[in-house]
């Protein structure tokens, strides 16, 4: 079923390459040439696109809201597809006593802060731009909170990897380590994660 969905999604690819722009719009390319841009609605949709791209021999890059200022996201291979994650933004399983929450790839810091505030919780000490996704900041190892101040750390990640084989992986992180960022294979697509205070 998943491979069938991937095949259907990949049929939408076009042969012509076009730029994929940052949040700033036309004239601010994150990638100069891409084959297609996908807007999945669910984690399953992301998995289907990644698996379809693997089958087609394509490269995959993920983008939240395009919060970047440089054209370093892609190697300008016109055989690259972009997966936009902004519509995959569910937040769930808040454990106030355990101090953790699950969120999907497109959730921004502001969305998480508002969601937690409505439930009597907080993200703690963070300094970020309003439109960066949590998954994007983890993938880049950027926009993290102070190493010296208590705030939040990544507890689990679910990944869809493009290379060498498509697989879902839930990585438990050692309890004695506080990860401000992770450096997984650059072809991995973060789909869900859990953070803890």
C-alpha atoms as a PDB file:
ATOM      1  CA  UNK A   1       0.000   0.000   0.000  1.00  0.00           C
ATOM      2  CA  UNK A   2       2.774   2.426   0.956  1.00  0.00           C
ATOM      3  CA  UNK A   3       4.731   1.701  -2.230  1.00  0.00           C
ATOM      4  CA  UNK A   4       1.544   2.128  -4.272  1.00  0.00           C
ATOM      5  CA  UNK A   5       1.048   5.552  -2.703  1.00  0.00           C
ATOM      6  CA  UNK A   6       4.665   6.426  -3.406  1.00  0.00           C
ATOM      7  CA  UNK A   7       4.251   5.442  -7.051  1.00  0.00           C
ATOM      8  CA  UNK A   8       1.176   7.639  -7.395  1.00  0.00           C
ATOM      9  CA  UNK A   9       2.934  10.582  -5.774  1.00  0.00           C
ATOM     10  CA  UNK A  10       5.978  10.204  -7.998  1.00  0.00           C
ATOM     11  CA  UNK A  11       3.823  10.358 -11.141  1.00  0.00           C
ATOM     12  CA  UNK A  12       3.371  14.047 -10.420  1.00  0.00           C
ATOM     13  CA  UNK A  13       7.049  14.779 -11.063  1.00  0.00           C
ATOM     14  CA  UNK A  14       7.847  17.063 -13.942  1.00  0.00           C
ATOM     15  CA  UNK A  15      10.896  16.822 -16.176  1.00  0.00           C
ATOM     16  CA  UNK A  16      11.715  20.512 -16.043  1.00  0.00           C
ATOM     17  CA  UNK A  17      13.775  21.835 -13.164  1.00  0.00           C
ATOM     18  CA  UNK A  18      12.864  25.045 -11.369  1.00  0.00           C
ATOM     19  CA  UNK A  19      14.151  26.964  -8.343  1.00  0.00           C
ATOM     20  CA  UNK A  20      12.849  26.318  -4.848  1.00  0.00           C
ATOM     21  CA  UNK A  21      12.812  29.614  -2.965  1.00  0.00           C
ATOM     22  CA  UNK A  22      13.371  30.413   0.682  1.00  0.00           C
ATOM     23  CA  UNK A  23      10.747  32.024   2.891  1.00  0.00           C
ATOM     24  CA  UNK A  24      11.684  35.349   1.276  1.00  0.00           C
ATOM     25  CA  UNK A  25      10.227  34.269  -2.077  1.00  0.00           C
ATOM     26  CA  UNK A  26      11.332  34.581  -5.726  1.00  0.00           C
ATOM     27  CA  UNK A  27      14.910  35.707  -6.178  1.00  0.00           C
ATOM     28  CA  UNK A  28      15.997  33.959  -2.970  1.00  0.00           C
ATOM     29  CA  UNK A  29      16.592  30.346  -4.014  1.00  0.00           C
ATOM     30  CA  UNK A  30      17.351  27.654  -1.454  1.00  0.00           C
ATOM     31  CA  UNK A  31      17.856  25.275  -4.391  1.00  0.00           C
ATOM     32  CA  UNK A  32      18.435  26.499  -7.929  1.00  0.00           C
ATOM     33  CA  UNK A  33      17.039  23.419  -9.685  1.00  0.00           C
ATOM     34  CA  UNK A  34      14.546  20.866  -8.349  1.00  0.00           C
ATOM     35  CA  UNK A  35      12.357  18.288 -10.058  1.00  0.00           C
ATOM     36  CA  UNK A  36       9.337  18.669  -7.780  1.00  0.00           C
ATOM     37  CA  UNK A  37       8.072  20.103  -4.508  1.00  0.00           C
ATOM     38  CA  UNK A  38       5.728  18.005  -2.360  1.00  0.00           C
ATOM     39  CA  UNK A  39       3.392  19.235   0.390  1.00  0.00           C
ATOM     40  CA  UNK A  40       2.567  16.093   2.393  1.00  0.00           C
ATOM     41  CA  UNK A  41      -0.191  16.195   4.994  1.00  0.00           C
ATOM     42  CA  UNK A  42       0.895  13.211   7.121  1.00  0.00           C
ATOM     43  CA  UNK A  43       3.983  11.296   8.198  1.00  0.00           C
ATOM     44  CA  UNK A  44       2.796   8.438   5.966  1.00  0.00           C
ATOM     45  CA  UNK A  45       2.782  10.855   3.008  1.00  0.00           C
ATOM     46  CA  UNK A  46       6.400  11.798   3.777  1.00  0.00           C
ATOM     47  CA  UNK A  47       7.372   8.131   3.929  1.00  0.00           C
ATOM     48  CA  UNK A  48       5.682   7.493   0.583  1.00  0.00           C
ATOM     49  CA  UNK A  49       7.481  10.383  -1.130  1.00  0.00           C
ATOM     50  CA  UNK A  50      10.878   9.315   0.239  1.00  0.00           C
ATOM     51  CA  UNK A  51      10.361   5.709  -0.832  1.00  0.00           C
ATOM     52  CA  UNK A  52       9.141   6.822  -4.259  1.00  0.00           C
ATOM     53  CA  UNK A  53      12.197   9.043  -4.678  1.00  0.00           C
ATOM     54  CA  UNK A  54      14.471   6.140  -3.763  1.00  0.00           C
ATOM     55  CA  UNK A  55      12.789   3.981  -6.382  1.00  0.00           C
ATOM     56  CA  UNK A  56      13.239   6.756  -8.971  1.00  0.00           C
ATOM     57  CA  UNK A  57      16.890   7.364  -8.033  1.00  0.00           C
ATOM     58  CA  UNK A  58      16.168  10.893  -6.838  1.00  0.00           C
ATOM     59  CA  UNK A  59      17.675  12.948  -4.037  1.00  0.00           C
ATOM     60  CA  UNK A  60      15.398  14.235  -1.290  1.00  0.00           C
ATOM     61  CA  UNK A  61      15.651  17.421   0.739  1.00  0.00           C
ATOM     62  CA  UNK A  62      13.275  18.491   3.492  1.00  0.00           C
ATOM     63  CA  UNK A  63      12.145  22.054   4.071  1.00  0.00           C
ATOM     64  CA  UNK A  64       9.974  23.461   6.822  1.00  0.00           C
ATOM     65  CA  UNK A  65       9.036  27.050   6.086  1.00  0.00           C
ATOM     66  CA  UNK A  66      12.166  27.777   4.065  1.00  0.00           C
ATOM     67  CA  UNK A  67      13.731  29.752   6.913  1.00  0.00           C
ATOM     68  CA  UNK A  68      17.210  30.255   5.445  1.00  0.00           C
ATOM     69  CA  UNK A  69      19.194  32.938   3.725  1.00  0.00           C
ATOM     70  CA  UNK A  70      21.584  30.941   1.576  1.00  0.00           C
ATOM     71  CA  UNK A  71      21.378  28.608  -1.396  1.00  0.00           C
ATOM     72  CA  UNK A  72      23.164  25.768   0.377  1.00  0.00           C
ATOM     73  CA  UNK A  73      20.205  23.429   0.882  1.00  0.00           C
ATOM     74  CA  UNK A  74      20.737  21.504  -2.371  1.00  0.00           C
ATOM     75  CA  UNK A  75      23.642  20.521  -4.580  1.00  0.00           C
ATOM     76  CA  UNK A  76      21.676  21.914  -7.538  1.00  0.00           C
ATOM     77  CA  UNK A  77      21.008  18.479  -8.936  1.00  0.00           C
ATOM     78  CA  UNK A  78      17.801  18.815 -10.998  1.00  0.00           C
ATOM     79  CA  UNK A  79      16.988  15.261  -9.931  1.00  0.00           C
ATOM     80  CA  UNK A  80      16.232  16.509  -6.388  1.00  0.00           C
ATOM     81  CA  UNK A  81      12.762  16.631  -4.859  1.00  0.00           C
ATOM     82  CA  UNK A  82      11.751  18.882  -1.964  1.00  0.00           C
ATOM     83  CA  UNK A  83       9.437  17.735   0.815  1.00  0.00           C
ATOM     84  CA  UNK A  84       7.797  20.703   2.544  1.00  0.00           C
ATOM     85  CA  UNK A  85       6.853  19.761   6.089  1.00  0.00           C
ATOM     86  CA  UNK A  86       4.792  22.764   7.186  1.00  0.00           C
ATOM     87  CA  UNK A  87       1.453  20.913   6.871  1.00  0.00           C
ATOM     88  CA  UNK A  88       2.677  17.962   8.949  1.00  0.00           C
ATOM     89  CA  UNK A  89       2.337  19.714  12.280  1.00  0.00           C
ATOM     90  CA  UNK A  90       0.495  17.665  14.882  1.00  0.00           C
ATOM     91  CA  UNK A  91       1.501  17.913  18.539  1.00  0.00           C
ATOM     92  CA  UNK A  92       0.442  15.192  20.970  1.00  0.00           C
ATOM     93  CA  UNK A  93       1.189  13.009  24.006  1.00  0.00           C
ATOM     94  CA  UNK A  94       2.016  15.784  26.449  1.00  0.00           C
ATOM     95  CA  UNK A  95       3.382  14.264  29.649  1.00  0.00           C
ATOM     96  CA  UNK A  96       3.539  17.150  32.116  1.00  0.00           C
ATOM     97  CA  UNK A  97       4.944  15.010  34.939  1.00  0.00           C
ATOM     98  CA  UNK A  98       7.573  13.467  32.662  1.00  0.00           C
ATOM     99  CA  UNK A  99       8.199  16.817  30.984  1.00  0.00           C
ATOM    100  CA  UNK A 100       7.897  15.587  27.392  1.00  0.00           C
ATOM    101  CA  UNK A 101       5.775  16.055  24.274  1.00  0.00           C
ATOM    102  CA  UNK A 102       5.684  14.569  20.749  1.00  0.00           C
ATOM    103  CA  UNK A 103       5.540  16.735  17.635  1.00  0.00           C
ATOM    104  CA  UNK A 104       5.715  16.272  13.873  1.00  0.00           C
ATOM    105  CA  UNK A 105       8.248  17.691  11.435  1.00  0.00           C
ATOM    106  CA  UNK A 106       6.458  20.912  10.509  1.00  0.00           C
ATOM    107  CA  UNK A 107       5.836  22.234  14.026  1.00  0.00           C
ATOM    108  CA  UNK A 108       7.414  25.641  14.652  1.00  0.00           C
ATOM    109  CA  UNK A 109       8.688  26.872  17.997  1.00  0.00           C
ATOM    110  CA  UNK A 110       5.770  29.318  18.179  1.00  0.00           C
ATOM    111  CA  UNK A 111       3.181  26.615  17.436  1.00  0.00           C
ATOM    112  CA  UNK A 112       4.650  24.403  20.148  1.00  0.00           C
ATOM    113  CA  UNK A 113       4.859  27.275  22.641  1.00  0.00           C
ATOM    114  CA  UNK A 114       1.204  28.233  22.054  1.00  0.00           C
ATOM    115  CA  UNK A 115       0.019  24.606  22.197  1.00  0.00           C
ATOM    116  CA  UNK A 116       1.878  24.010  25.460  1.00  0.00           C
ATOM    117  CA  UNK A 117       0.697  27.316  26.963  1.00  0.00           C
ATOM    118  CA  UNK A 118      -2.939  26.303  26.371  1.00  0.00           C
ATOM    119  CA  UNK A 119      -2.207  23.178  28.445  1.00  0.00           C
ATOM    120  CA  UNK A 120      -0.329  24.841  31.293  1.00  0.00           C
ATOM    121  CA  UNK A 121       3.186  24.000  30.107  1.00  0.00           C
ATOM    122  CA  UNK A 122       6.089  25.885  28.551  1.00  0.00           C
ATOM    123  CA  UNK A 123       9.086  25.340  26.257  1.00  0.00           C
ATOM    124  CA  UNK A 124      11.265  27.147  28.770  1.00  0.00           C
ATOM    125  CA  UNK A 125      14.250  29.229  27.737  1.00  0.00           C
ATOM    126  CA  UNK A 126      14.635  29.484  23.955  1.00  0.00           C
ATOM    127  CA  UNK A 127      15.798  32.175  21.553  1.00  0.00           C
ATOM    128  CA  UNK A 128      14.511  31.527  18.054  1.00  0.00           C
ATOM    129  CA  UNK A 129      13.048  33.151  14.993  1.00  0.00           C
ATOM    130  CA  UNK A 130       9.282  32.788  14.910  1.00  0.00           C
ATOM    131  CA  UNK A 131       9.039  30.701  11.739  1.00  0.00           C
ATOM    132  CA  UNK A 132      11.699  28.018  12.167  1.00  0.00           C
ATOM    133  CA  UNK A 133      10.552  24.429  12.634  1.00  0.00           C
ATOM    134  CA  UNK A 134      11.835  22.348  15.517  1.00  0.00           C
ATOM    135  CA  UNK A 135      12.856  19.571  13.118  1.00  0.00           C
ATOM    136  CA  UNK A 136      14.764  22.082  11.001  1.00  0.00           C
ATOM    137  CA  UNK A 137      16.642  23.433  13.973  1.00  0.00           C
ATOM    138  CA  UNK A 138      17.517  19.896  15.099  1.00  0.00           C
ATOM    139  CA  UNK A 139      18.632  18.869  11.615  1.00  0.00           C
ATOM    140  CA  UNK A 140      20.839  21.943  11.330  1.00  0.00           C
ATOM    141  CA  UNK A 141      22.036  21.894  14.935  1.00  0.00           C
ATOM    142  CA  UNK A 142      21.051  25.552  15.095  1.00  0.00           C
ATOM    143  CA  UNK A 143      18.709  27.889  16.963  1.00  0.00           C
ATOM    144  CA  UNK A 144      19.103  25.948  20.146  1.00  0.00           C
ATOM    145  CA  UNK A 145      18.713  27.147  23.679  1.00  0.00           C
ATOM    146  CA  UNK A 146      21.613  27.913  25.966  1.00  0.00           C
ATOM    147  CA  UNK A 147      23.844  24.993  26.887  1.00  0.00           C
ATOM    148  CA  UNK A 148      24.209  26.517  30.366  1.00  0.00           C
ATOM    149  CA  UNK A 149      20.502  27.069  31.035  1.00  0.00           C
ATOM    150  CA  UNK A 150      17.933  24.347  31.681  1.00  0.00           C
ATOM    151  CA  UNK A 151      15.488  24.198  28.821  1.00  0.00           C
ATOM    152  CA  UNK A 152      14.689  21.261  26.581  1.00  0.00           C
ATOM    153  CA  UNK A 153      16.486  18.464  24.798  1.00  0.00           C
ATOM    154  CA  UNK A 154      15.582  15.963  22.118  1.00  0.00           C
ATOM    155  CA  UNK A 155      14.523  12.614  23.562  1.00  0.00           C
ATOM    156  CA  UNK A 156      13.450  10.559  20.502  1.00  0.00           C
ATOM    157  CA  UNK A 157      13.436  10.968  16.744  1.00  0.00           C
ATOM    158  CA  UNK A 158      11.620   9.094  14.007  1.00  0.00           C
ATOM    159  CA  UNK A 159      13.453   9.248  10.701  1.00  0.00           C
ATOM    160  CA  UNK A 160      12.803   8.184   7.145  1.00  0.00           C
ATOM    161  CA  UNK A 161      16.203   7.555   5.582  1.00  0.00           C
ATOM    162  CA  UNK A 162      16.915   7.709   1.887  1.00  0.00           C
ATOM    163  CA  UNK A 163      20.277   5.958   1.940  1.00  0.00           C
ATOM    164  CA  UNK A 164      21.137   3.104   2.102  1.00  0.00           C
ATOM    165  CA  UNK A 165      17.642   1.611   2.611  1.00  0.00           C
ATOM    166  CA  UNK A 166      14.271   3.141   3.391  1.00  0.00           C
ATOM    167  CA  UNK A 167      13.507   2.531   7.024  1.00  0.00           C
ATOM    168  CA  UNK A 168      11.847   4.083   9.993  1.00  0.00           C
ATOM    169  CA  UNK A 169      14.093   4.452  12.961  1.00  0.00           C
ATOM    170  CA  UNK A 170      13.225   5.493  16.446  1.00  0.00           C
ATOM    171  CA  UNK A 171      16.445   6.544  18.148  1.00  0.00           C
ATOM    172  CA  UNK A 172      16.428   6.547  21.935  1.00  0.00           C
ATOM    173  CA  UNK A 173      18.860   9.160  23.190  1.00  0.00           C
ATOM    174  CA  UNK A 174      20.895   8.422  26.328  1.00  0.00           C
ATOM    175  CA  UNK A 175      19.262   9.952  29.390  1.00  0.00           C
ATOM    176  CA  UNK A 176      22.546  11.410  30.596  1.00  0.00           C
ATOM    177  CA  UNK A 177      23.072  13.427  27.420  1.00  0.00           C
ATOM    178  CA  UNK A 178      21.375  16.686  26.517  1.00  0.00           C
ATOM    179  CA  UNK A 179      21.310  17.052  22.763  1.00  0.00           C
ATOM    180  CA  UNK A 180      21.023  20.557  21.428  1.00  0.00           C
ATOM    181  CA  UNK A 181      21.216  19.162  17.910  1.00  0.00           C
ATOM    182  CA  UNK A 182      21.760  15.880  16.087  1.00  0.00           C
ATOM    183  CA  UNK A 183      23.834  15.203  13.019  1.00  0.00           C
ATOM    184  CA  UNK A 184      22.055  12.321  11.303  1.00  0.00           C
ATOM    185  CA  UNK A 185      22.670  11.416   7.681  1.00  0.00           C
ATOM    186  CA  UNK A 186      21.858  14.533   5.674  1.00  0.00           C
ATOM    187  CA  UNK A 187      19.417  12.532   3.565  1.00  0.00           C
ATOM    188  CA  UNK A 188      17.290  11.626   6.564  1.00  0.00           C
ATOM    189  CA  UNK A 189      13.863  13.236   6.812  1.00  0.00           C
ATOM    190  CA  UNK A 190      12.803  13.993  10.376  1.00  0.00           C
ATOM    191  CA  UNK A 191       9.141  13.102  10.717  1.00  0.00           C
ATOM    192  CA  UNK A 192       8.429  13.124  14.447  1.00  0.00           C
ATOM    193  CA  UNK A 193      10.320  13.867  17.634  1.00  0.00           C
ATOM    194  CA  UNK A 194       9.851  14.130  21.364  1.00  0.00           C
ATOM    195  CA  UNK A 195      11.425  16.772  23.557  1.00  0.00           C
ATOM    196  CA  UNK A 196      11.877  16.869  27.293  1.00  0.00           C
ATOM    197  CA  UNK A 197      12.716  19.488  29.889  1.00  0.00           C
END
